[in-house]
Amino acid sequence: MGLDLSDKVEVFFEESVGTSTVETAVSSNVNLFEAKFQGAVPVPKKFAPSWSVVLRSDVAEIGGSKVEVSICRPAVAGRDGLSDEIGYYLSTLEPSNVVDQSTLSITVDGEGVSLKQGEDFWVNTVAKLRQTKALSWV
């Protein structure tokens, strides 16, 4: 893919139904992933924003179960239940450009909308999962 260790990515995985081998392994090694991959911790694919751009995806057999691993371009994460219009707007943002933004003001269908970081959007999926505690081990 032409990536090197300094490139930022998000990593998502999806295990065969009924298995959690990879999730158990990742949850036991969060600090290692953060140190080696600039804070990128692999998380279950169900948490990926719908607008995530997959750079590469492969299926591997790990511990007897099939696991799909997707390496994605970094993406701003949005609160569950946002409108399609707001989701589209968030999908156009570069995460590095919103790191220091506490609010984003946009207009949707002629109405002003204010989005708050930490409530409506996050710089990445791991930040969202940490703050919302949607995944206990991150």
Protein backbone atom coordinates (compact mmCIF):
# COMPACT_ATOMS: atom_id res chain seq x y z
CA MET A 1 0.00 0.00 0.00
CA GLY A 2 3.03 2.26 0.22
CA LEU A 3 2.45 3.11 3.88
CA ASP A 4 5.20 3.54 6.43
CA LEU A 5 5.16 3.65 10.23
CA SER A 6 4.69 7.43 10.29
CA ASP A 7 1.39 7.27 8.34
CA LYS A 8 -1.80 7.55 10.37
CA VAL A 9 -4.51 4.98 9.75
CA GLU A 10 -7.48 3.43 11.49
CA VAL A 11 -7.74 -0.35 11.75
CA PHE A 12 -10.95 -2.32 12.06
CA PHE A 13 -11.51 -6.05 12.36
CA GLU A 14 -14.46 -8.39 12.04
CA GLU A 15 -14.27 -11.92 13.43
CA SER A 16 -16.29 -14.97 12.52
CA VAL A 17 -19.60 -15.10 14.32
CA GLY A 18 -19.28 -16.35 17.89
CA THR A 19 -15.54 -15.80 18.29
CA SER A 20 -13.61 -13.13 20.14
CA THR A 21 -10.01 -14.36 19.87
CA VAL A 22 -8.73 -11.22 18.16
CA GLU A 23 -10.72 -8.86 20.36
CA THR A 24 -9.30 -10.56 23.45
CA ALA A 25 -5.75 -10.30 22.08
CA VAL A 26 -6.15 -6.65 21.07
CA SER A 27 -7.76 -5.68 24.37
CA SER A 28 -4.80 -7.19 26.22
CA ASN A 29 -2.31 -5.20 24.15
CA VAL A 30 -3.84 -1.73 23.72
CA ASN A 31 -0.73 0.04 25.02
CA LEU A 32 1.48 -1.84 22.57
CA PHE A 33 -0.71 -0.86 19.60
CA GLU A 34 -0.79 2.78 20.71
CA ALA A 35 2.98 2.90 21.05
CA LYS A 36 3.76 1.19 17.75
CA PHE A 37 1.04 2.69 15.54
CA GLN A 38 0.65 6.32 16.64
CA GLY A 39 -2.40 5.67 18.77
CA ALA A 40 -4.17 3.45 16.25
CA VAL A 41 -5.84 0.64 18.13
CA PRO A 42 -7.68 -1.98 16.07
CA VAL A 43 -11.36 -1.99 17.00
CA PRO A 44 -14.36 -4.02 15.85
CA LYS A 45 -15.60 -3.02 12.40
CA LYS A 46 -19.11 -2.33 13.70
CA PHE A 47 -17.72 0.92 15.17
CA ALA A 48 -16.28 2.22 11.87
CA PRO A 49 -17.96 5.33 10.47
CA SER A 50 -20.02 4.48 7.40
CA TRP A 51 -17.81 6.88 5.44
CA SER A 52 -14.53 5.13 6.30
CA VAL A 53 -12.35 4.72 3.23
CA VAL A 54 -10.76 1.27 3.15
CA LEU A 55 -7.19 1.36 1.88
CA ARG A 56 -6.78 -2.39 2.09
CA SER A 57 -8.74 -5.30 3.51
CA ASP A 58 -7.69 -8.91 3.91
CA VAL A 59 -9.04 -12.03 5.55
CA ALA A 60 -6.74 -14.09 7.75
CA GLU A 61 -7.22 -17.17 9.86
CA ILE A 62 -6.35 -16.47 13.48
CA GLY A 63 -6.89 -19.00 16.25
CA GLY A 64 -9.06 -21.12 13.98
CA SER A 65 -11.47 -18.34 13.01
CA LYS A 66 -11.59 -16.06 9.98
CA VAL A 67 -10.89 -12.41 10.65
CA GLU A 68 -11.29 -9.56 8.18
CA VAL A 69 -8.85 -6.73 8.89
CA SER A 70 -9.41 -3.37 7.20
CA ILE A 71 -6.86 -0.57 7.15
CA CYS A 72 -8.67 2.71 6.62
CA ARG A 73 -7.85 6.32 5.97
CA PRO A 74 -8.29 8.33 9.21
CA ALA A 75 -11.83 9.70 9.52
CA VAL A 76 -13.72 11.98 11.84
CA ALA A 77 -16.28 9.93 13.82
CA GLY A 78 -19.83 11.14 14.40
CA ARG A 79 -22.43 10.60 17.07
CA ASP A 80 -24.79 7.72 16.38
CA GLY A 81 -28.06 8.89 14.86
CA LEU A 82 -26.76 11.99 13.04
CA SER A 83 -28.60 12.92 9.86
CA ASP A 84 -27.21 11.83 6.51
CA GLU A 85 -26.43 15.46 5.68
CA ILE A 86 -24.32 15.93 8.79
CA GLY A 87 -22.66 12.56 8.25
CA TYR A 88 -21.77 13.63 4.73
CA TYR A 89 -20.25 16.85 6.06
CA LEU A 90 -18.19 14.98 8.66
CA SER A 91 -17.01 12.57 5.97
CA THR A 92 -15.36 15.48 4.12
CA LEU A 93 -13.27 16.62 7.08
CA GLU A 94 -9.62 15.85 7.61
CA PRO A 95 -9.15 14.73 11.24
CA SER A 96 -5.99 16.81 11.67
CA ASN A 97 -7.99 19.94 10.79
CA VAL A 98 -10.53 19.48 13.61
CA VAL A 99 -8.22 18.45 16.46
CA ASP A 100 -8.38 21.93 18.00
CA GLN A 101 -11.99 22.68 17.02
CA SER A 102 -14.36 22.59 19.99
CA THR A 103 -17.35 23.33 17.74
CA LEU A 104 -18.19 23.24 14.06
CA SER A 105 -20.92 25.45 12.66
CA ILE A 106 -22.65 24.41 9.47
CA THR A 107 -25.90 25.05 7.64
CA VAL A 108 -28.17 22.13 6.81
CA ASP A 109 -31.33 22.79 4.77
CA GLY A 110 -31.12 26.50 5.60
CA GLU A 111 -30.77 25.98 9.35
CA GLY A 112 -27.65 26.61 11.40
CA VAL A 113 -26.29 23.57 13.21
CA SER A 114 -23.56 23.62 15.84
CA LEU A 115 -21.63 20.39 16.35
CA LYS A 116 -19.61 19.95 19.53
CA GLN A 117 -16.44 17.90 19.69
CA GLY A 118 -16.87 15.16 22.27
CA GLU A 119 -20.65 15.16 21.86
CA ASP A 120 -21.41 15.20 18.14
CA PHE A 121 -18.04 14.40 16.59
CA TRP A 122 -14.62 13.06 17.51
CA VAL A 123 -11.24 13.25 15.79
CA ASN A 124 -11.31 9.48 15.28
CA THR A 125 -13.17 6.33 16.22
CA VAL A 126 -10.92 5.40 19.15
CA ALA A 127 -11.48 8.86 20.69
CA LYS A 128 -15.23 8.35 20.34
CA LEU A 129 -15.13 4.88 21.89
CA ARG A 130 -13.02 6.10 24.81
CA GLN A 131 -15.25 9.04 25.63
CA THR A 132 -18.56 7.25 25.17
CA LYS A 133 -17.23 4.07 26.86
CA ALA A 134 -18.87 2.08 24.07
CA LEU A 135 -15.94 -0.33 24.19
CA SER A 136 -14.61 -0.93 27.70
CA TRP A 137 -11.06 -1.90 26.78
CA VAL A 138 -9.94 1.15 24.80
